[in-house]
Amino acid sequence: METERTKKEVRKMETKLLREVTVKIRLERIDTQEEIMVEALLDSGATRLVMSSEFARKQGFKLKKLERLMNVRNVDGSLNKKGSIENTVKVNIYYQGHRERTEIDVIGEQK
């Protein structure tokens, strides 16, 4: 149940001037070693790395099905309209000479 304080905090966050910080990174698909340059949001407030299902599909990423769906919640606690996370993709991320192998959650309807 939302308290009046929670509602005020959400309204405060909504009225703040948002500044986006993006960086150019290379993503490498593990299966093909193909690389793409992308602009990534540096700090979205998300607790994990995410990409849209549309982007993953267009770029040809190989999706790995999760054993259990992960619900996605917005900052106000409501469920995200894009739906649950059903898949991840394995990638290498390159930035300024650093390489990190990781999994990125894929959010949005899977077709």
N, C-alpha and C. Protein backbone atom coordinates (compact mmCIF):
# COMPACT_ATOMS: atom_id res chain seq x y z
N MET A 1 0.84 -1.18 0.00
CA MET A 1 0.00 0.00 0.00
C MET A 1 0.89 1.24 0.00
N GLU A 2 0.62 2.14 -0.91
CA GLU A 2 1.42 3.36 -1.00
C GLU A 2 1.05 4.31 0.12
N THR A 3 2.07 4.82 0.76
CA THR A 3 1.83 5.83 1.79
C THR A 3 1.90 7.21 1.14
N GLU A 4 1.41 8.21 1.84
CA GLU A 4 1.47 9.58 1.33
C GLU A 4 2.92 10.01 1.13
N ARG A 5 3.80 9.55 2.03
CA ARG A 5 5.23 9.88 1.93
C ARG A 5 5.82 9.30 0.65
N THR A 6 5.48 8.05 0.34
CA THR A 6 5.98 7.41 -0.87
C THR A 6 5.52 8.18 -2.10
N LYS A 7 4.24 8.57 -2.12
CA LYS A 7 3.71 9.32 -3.25
C LYS A 7 4.45 10.64 -3.43
N LYS A 8 4.76 11.31 -2.32
CA LYS A 8 5.49 12.58 -2.39
C LYS A 8 6.90 12.37 -2.93
N GLU A 9 7.55 11.28 -2.48
CA GLU A 9 8.91 10.99 -2.94
C GLU A 9 8.92 10.71 -4.44
N VAL A 10 7.93 9.97 -4.92
CA VAL A 10 7.84 9.67 -6.35
C VAL A 10 7.63 10.95 -7.13
N ARG A 11 6.73 11.81 -6.66
CA ARG A 11 6.48 13.09 -7.34
C ARG A 11 7.76 13.94 -7.36
N LYS A 12 8.51 13.92 -6.27
CA LYS A 12 9.77 14.67 -6.21
C LYS A 12 10.75 14.17 -7.26
N MET A 13 10.85 12.84 -7.38
CA MET A 13 11.76 12.25 -8.37
C MET A 13 11.32 12.60 -9.78
N GLU A 14 10.02 12.61 -10.01
CA GLU A 14 9.51 12.92 -11.34
C GLU A 14 9.78 14.36 -11.74
N THR A 15 9.84 15.26 -10.77
CA THR A 15 10.05 16.67 -11.08
C THR A 15 11.52 17.05 -11.17
N LYS A 16 12.41 16.18 -10.72
CA LYS A 16 13.84 16.47 -10.82
C LYS A 16 14.27 16.51 -12.27
N LEU A 17 15.23 17.36 -12.56
CA LEU A 17 15.81 17.40 -13.90
C LEU A 17 16.67 16.16 -14.08
N LEU A 18 16.33 15.34 -15.07
CA LEU A 18 17.08 14.12 -15.31
C LEU A 18 18.21 14.39 -16.28
N ARG A 19 19.37 13.90 -15.97
CA ARG A 19 20.53 14.02 -16.83
C ARG A 19 20.97 12.61 -17.22
N GLU A 20 21.06 12.39 -18.52
CA GLU A 20 21.49 11.09 -18.99
C GLU A 20 22.97 11.14 -19.32
N VAL A 21 23.68 10.14 -18.88
CA VAL A 21 25.09 10.00 -19.21
C VAL A 21 25.25 8.73 -20.01
N THR A 22 25.70 8.88 -21.24
CA THR A 22 25.88 7.71 -22.09
C THR A 22 27.36 7.57 -22.48
N VAL A 23 27.74 6.35 -22.78
CA VAL A 23 29.10 6.06 -23.23
C VAL A 23 29.01 5.15 -24.45
N LYS A 24 29.98 5.27 -25.34
CA LYS A 24 30.06 4.37 -26.49
C LYS A 24 30.86 3.15 -26.08
N ILE A 25 30.26 1.98 -26.31
CA ILE A 25 30.92 0.72 -25.99
C ILE A 25 30.79 -0.21 -27.18
N ARG A 26 31.63 -1.24 -27.19
CA ARG A 26 31.49 -2.30 -28.18
C ARG A 26 30.88 -3.51 -27.50
N LEU A 27 29.91 -4.12 -28.15
CA LEU A 27 29.33 -5.37 -27.69
C LEU A 27 29.75 -6.45 -28.67
N GLU A 28 30.25 -7.56 -28.16
CA GLU A 28 30.64 -8.69 -29.00
C GLU A 28 29.72 -9.87 -28.72
N ARG A 29 29.09 -10.39 -29.77
CA ARG A 29 28.29 -11.59 -29.62
C ARG A 29 29.24 -12.76 -29.42
N ILE A 30 29.01 -13.53 -28.39
CA ILE A 30 29.90 -14.64 -28.05
C ILE A 30 29.89 -15.71 -29.13
N ASP A 31 28.73 -16.00 -29.71
CA ASP A 31 28.62 -17.11 -30.67
C ASP A 31 29.30 -16.82 -32.00
N THR A 32 29.31 -15.55 -32.45
CA THR A 32 29.86 -15.23 -33.77
C THR A 32 31.09 -14.33 -33.72
N GLN A 33 31.42 -13.80 -32.57
CA GLN A 33 32.51 -12.85 -32.38
C GLN A 33 32.30 -11.56 -33.18
N GLU A 34 31.08 -11.31 -33.66
CA GLU A 34 30.77 -10.06 -34.34
C GLU A 34 30.60 -8.96 -33.30
N GLU A 35 31.08 -7.77 -33.65
CA GLU A 35 31.01 -6.64 -32.72
C GLU A 35 30.14 -5.53 -33.30
N ILE A 36 29.49 -4.81 -32.40
CA ILE A 36 28.74 -3.63 -32.78
C ILE A 36 29.06 -2.52 -31.79
N MET A 37 29.06 -1.29 -32.29
CA MET A 37 29.23 -0.12 -31.43
C MET A 37 27.84 0.35 -31.01
N VAL A 38 27.69 0.61 -29.72
CA VAL A 38 26.40 1.10 -29.22
C VAL A 38 26.65 2.23 -28.23
N GLU A 39 25.61 3.01 -28.03
CA GLU A 39 25.64 4.03 -27.00
C GLU A 39 24.85 3.47 -25.83
N ALA A 40 25.48 3.35 -24.67
CA ALA A 40 24.85 2.74 -23.51
C ALA A 40 24.61 3.78 -22.43
N LEU A 41 23.48 3.65 -21.75
CA LEU A 41 23.17 4.52 -20.63
C LEU A 41 24.03 4.08 -19.46
N LEU A 42 24.83 4.97 -18.93
CA LEU A 42 25.81 4.61 -17.91
C LEU A 42 25.17 4.21 -16.60
N ASP A 43 24.22 4.97 -16.09
CA ASP A 43 23.59 4.63 -14.82
C ASP A 43 22.10 4.90 -14.92
N SER A 44 21.36 3.85 -15.20
CA SER A 44 19.91 3.99 -15.35
C SER A 44 19.19 3.82 -14.03
N GLY A 45 19.91 3.37 -13.01
CA GLY A 45 19.27 3.06 -11.74
C GLY A 45 18.85 1.60 -11.67
N ALA A 46 18.99 0.89 -12.78
CA ALA A 46 18.64 -0.54 -12.80
C ALA A 46 19.65 -1.32 -11.97
N THR A 47 19.22 -2.44 -11.43
CA THR A 47 20.12 -3.26 -10.63
C THR A 47 20.88 -4.27 -11.47
N ARG A 48 20.50 -4.39 -12.75
CA ARG A 48 21.17 -5.32 -13.65
C ARG A 48 21.32 -4.68 -15.02
N LEU A 49 22.09 -5.30 -15.90
CA LEU A 49 22.22 -4.83 -17.28
C LEU A 49 21.02 -5.32 -18.08
N VAL A 50 20.44 -4.43 -18.90
CA VAL A 50 19.28 -4.81 -19.69
C VAL A 50 19.39 -4.27 -21.11
N MET A 51 18.75 -4.98 -22.04
CA MET A 51 18.58 -4.50 -23.41
C MET A 51 17.17 -4.89 -23.84
N SER A 52 16.66 -4.17 -24.81
CA SER A 52 15.30 -4.47 -25.29
C SER A 52 15.32 -5.72 -26.16
N SER A 53 14.18 -6.41 -26.16
CA SER A 53 14.06 -7.59 -27.01
C SER A 53 14.14 -7.20 -28.48
N GLU A 54 13.62 -6.02 -28.82
CA GLU A 54 13.67 -5.55 -30.20
C GLU A 54 15.12 -5.35 -30.65
N PHE A 55 15.94 -4.73 -29.80
CA PHE A 55 17.36 -4.52 -30.11
C PHE A 55 18.07 -5.86 -30.24
N ALA A 56 17.83 -6.78 -29.30
CA ALA A 56 18.49 -8.10 -29.34
C ALA A 56 18.14 -8.84 -30.63
N ARG A 57 16.89 -8.77 -31.01
CA ARG A 57 16.43 -9.45 -32.23
C ARG A 57 17.06 -8.83 -33.48
N LYS A 58 17.03 -7.49 -33.56
CA LYS A 58 17.59 -6.80 -34.73
C LYS A 58 19.08 -7.05 -34.88
N GLN A 59 19.79 -7.17 -33.76
CA GLN A 59 21.24 -7.36 -33.81
C GLN A 59 21.64 -8.83 -33.89
N GLY A 60 20.70 -9.73 -33.85
CA GLY A 60 20.99 -11.16 -34.02
C GLY A 60 21.61 -11.84 -32.82
N PHE A 61 21.35 -11.33 -31.62
CA PHE A 61 21.88 -11.97 -30.41
C PHE A 61 21.19 -13.31 -30.18
N LYS A 62 21.95 -14.29 -29.73
CA LYS A 62 21.42 -15.60 -29.41
C LYS A 62 20.84 -15.52 -28.00
N LEU A 63 19.53 -15.74 -27.88
CA LEU A 63 18.86 -15.64 -26.59
C LEU A 63 18.99 -16.94 -25.81
N LYS A 64 19.22 -16.80 -24.51
CA LYS A 64 19.27 -17.94 -23.60
C LYS A 64 18.04 -17.84 -22.70
N LYS A 65 17.18 -18.85 -22.77
CA LYS A 65 15.93 -18.87 -22.00
C LYS A 65 16.23 -19.07 -20.52
N LEU A 66 15.61 -18.26 -19.67
CA LEU A 66 15.75 -18.41 -18.23
C LEU A 66 14.86 -19.55 -17.73
N GLU A 67 15.27 -20.19 -16.65
CA GLU A 67 14.44 -21.26 -16.07
C GLU A 67 13.17 -20.69 -15.46
N ARG A 68 13.29 -19.49 -14.88
CA ARG A 68 12.12 -18.82 -14.29
C ARG A 68 12.08 -17.38 -14.76
N LEU A 69 10.89 -16.87 -15.00
CA LEU A 69 10.73 -15.47 -15.39
C LEU A 69 11.13 -14.56 -14.23
N MET A 70 11.67 -13.39 -14.57
CA MET A 70 11.99 -12.38 -13.56
C MET A 70 11.07 -11.19 -13.79
N ASN A 71 10.28 -10.84 -12.78
CA ASN A 71 9.43 -9.66 -12.89
C ASN A 71 10.28 -8.41 -12.83
N VAL A 72 9.85 -7.39 -13.55
CA VAL A 72 10.57 -6.12 -13.59
C VAL A 72 9.68 -5.06 -12.93
N ARG A 73 10.24 -4.37 -11.96
CA ARG A 73 9.50 -3.32 -11.26
C ARG A 73 10.11 -1.96 -11.56
N ASN A 74 9.25 -0.98 -11.67
CA ASN A 74 9.67 0.40 -11.86
C ASN A 74 10.08 1.01 -10.52
N VAL A 75 10.63 2.20 -10.56
CA VAL A 75 11.10 2.87 -9.36
C VAL A 75 9.97 3.06 -8.35
N ASP A 76 8.73 3.18 -8.81
CA ASP A 76 7.60 3.36 -7.90
C ASP A 76 7.03 2.04 -7.39
N GLY A 77 7.64 0.92 -7.79
CA GLY A 77 7.20 -0.39 -7.32
C GLY A 77 6.20 -1.08 -8.22
N SER A 78 5.67 -0.38 -9.23
CA SER A 78 4.70 -0.99 -10.13
C SER A 78 5.41 -1.93 -11.11
N LEU A 79 4.67 -2.91 -11.64
CA LEU A 79 5.24 -3.82 -12.63
C LEU A 79 5.47 -3.08 -13.94
N ASN A 80 6.59 -3.35 -14.59
CA ASN A 80 6.92 -2.71 -15.85
C ASN A 80 6.01 -3.22 -16.95
N LYS A 81 5.53 -2.30 -17.80
CA LYS A 81 4.60 -2.65 -18.87
C LYS A 81 5.24 -3.53 -19.95
N LYS A 82 6.57 -3.53 -20.05
CA LYS A 82 7.24 -4.34 -21.07
C LYS A 82 7.23 -5.82 -20.72
N GLY A 83 6.83 -6.15 -19.49
CA GLY A 83 6.72 -7.56 -19.11
C GLY A 83 7.92 -8.08 -18.36
N SER A 84 7.91 -9.38 -18.15
CA SER A 84 8.97 -10.06 -17.40
C SER A 84 10.20 -10.30 -18.27
N ILE A 85 11.30 -10.58 -17.61
CA ILE A 85 12.52 -10.98 -18.31
C ILE A 85 12.45 -12.48 -18.50
N GLU A 86 12.53 -12.90 -19.76
CA GLU A 86 12.44 -14.32 -20.11
C GLU A 86 13.78 -14.87 -20.58
N ASN A 87 14.66 -13.96 -21.09
CA ASN A 87 15.91 -14.39 -21.72
C ASN A 87 17.06 -13.49 -21.31
N THR A 88 18.26 -14.00 -21.53
CA THR A 88 19.48 -13.21 -21.39
C THR A 88 20.32 -13.44 -22.65
N VAL A 89 21.32 -12.60 -22.83
CA VAL A 89 22.31 -12.81 -23.89
C VAL A 89 23.70 -12.71 -23.27
N LYS A 90 24.61 -13.55 -23.74
CA LYS A 90 26.00 -13.50 -23.29
C LYS A 90 26.78 -12.61 -24.24
N VAL A 91 27.54 -11.69 -23.69
CA VAL A 91 28.32 -10.76 -24.52
C VAL A 91 29.66 -10.48 -23.86
N ASN A 92 30.56 -9.97 -24.68
CA ASN A 92 31.74 -9.30 -24.17
C ASN A 92 31.48 -7.81 -24.36
N ILE A 93 31.76 -7.04 -23.34
CA ILE A 93 31.64 -5.58 -23.41
C ILE A 93 33.05 -5.02 -23.39
N TYR A 94 33.33 -4.14 -24.35
CA TYR A 94 34.64 -3.49 -24.44
C TYR A 94 34.47 -1.99 -24.21
N TYR A 95 35.31 -1.45 -23.33
CA TYR A 95 35.30 -0.01 -23.08
C TYR A 95 36.70 0.42 -22.65
N GLN A 96 37.27 1.32 -23.39
CA GLN A 96 38.60 1.89 -23.10
C GLN A 96 39.63 0.83 -22.72
N GLY A 97 39.75 -0.19 -23.57
CA GLY A 97 40.77 -1.22 -23.35
C GLY A 97 40.39 -2.29 -22.34
N HIS A 98 39.24 -2.19 -21.74
CA HIS A 98 38.79 -3.18 -20.76
C HIS A 98 37.76 -4.10 -21.41
N ARG A 99 37.84 -5.39 -21.10
CA ARG A 99 36.85 -6.36 -21.61
C ARG A 99 36.20 -7.05 -20.43
N GLU A 100 34.89 -7.17 -20.52
CA GLU A 100 34.12 -7.85 -19.48
C GLU A 100 33.15 -8.80 -20.15
N ARG A 101 33.19 -10.08 -19.78
CA ARG A 101 32.20 -11.04 -20.27
C ARG A 101 31.05 -11.05 -19.27
N THR A 102 29.83 -10.89 -19.77
CA THR A 102 28.68 -10.80 -18.88
C THR A 102 27.42 -11.25 -19.58
N GLU A 103 26.35 -11.33 -18.84
CA GLU A 103 25.03 -11.61 -19.40
C GLU A 103 24.17 -10.37 -19.25
N ILE A 104 23.39 -10.08 -20.27
CA ILE A 104 22.49 -8.93 -20.24
C ILE A 104 21.06 -9.46 -20.32
N ASP A 105 20.23 -8.99 -19.40
CA ASP A 105 18.82 -9.39 -19.40
C ASP A 105 18.11 -8.74 -20.59
N VAL A 106 17.20 -9.49 -21.20
CA VAL A 106 16.44 -9.00 -22.35
C VAL A 106 15.02 -8.71 -21.87
N ILE A 107 14.61 -7.45 -21.99
CA ILE A 107 13.30 -7.04 -21.50
C ILE A 107 12.38 -6.71 -22.67
N GLY A 108 11.13 -7.10 -22.53
CA GLY A 108 10.15 -6.86 -23.57
C GLY A 108 9.59 -8.15 -24.09
N GLU A 109 8.50 -8.04 -24.81
CA GLU A 109 7.84 -9.21 -25.35
C GLU A 109 8.75 -9.96 -26.31
N GLN A 110 8.75 -11.27 -26.16
CA GLN A 110 9.55 -12.12 -27.05
C GLN A 110 8.63 -12.65 -28.14
N LYS A 111 9.04 -12.47 -29.39
CA LYS A 111 8.22 -12.93 -30.52
C LYS A 111 8.86 -14.11 -31.19
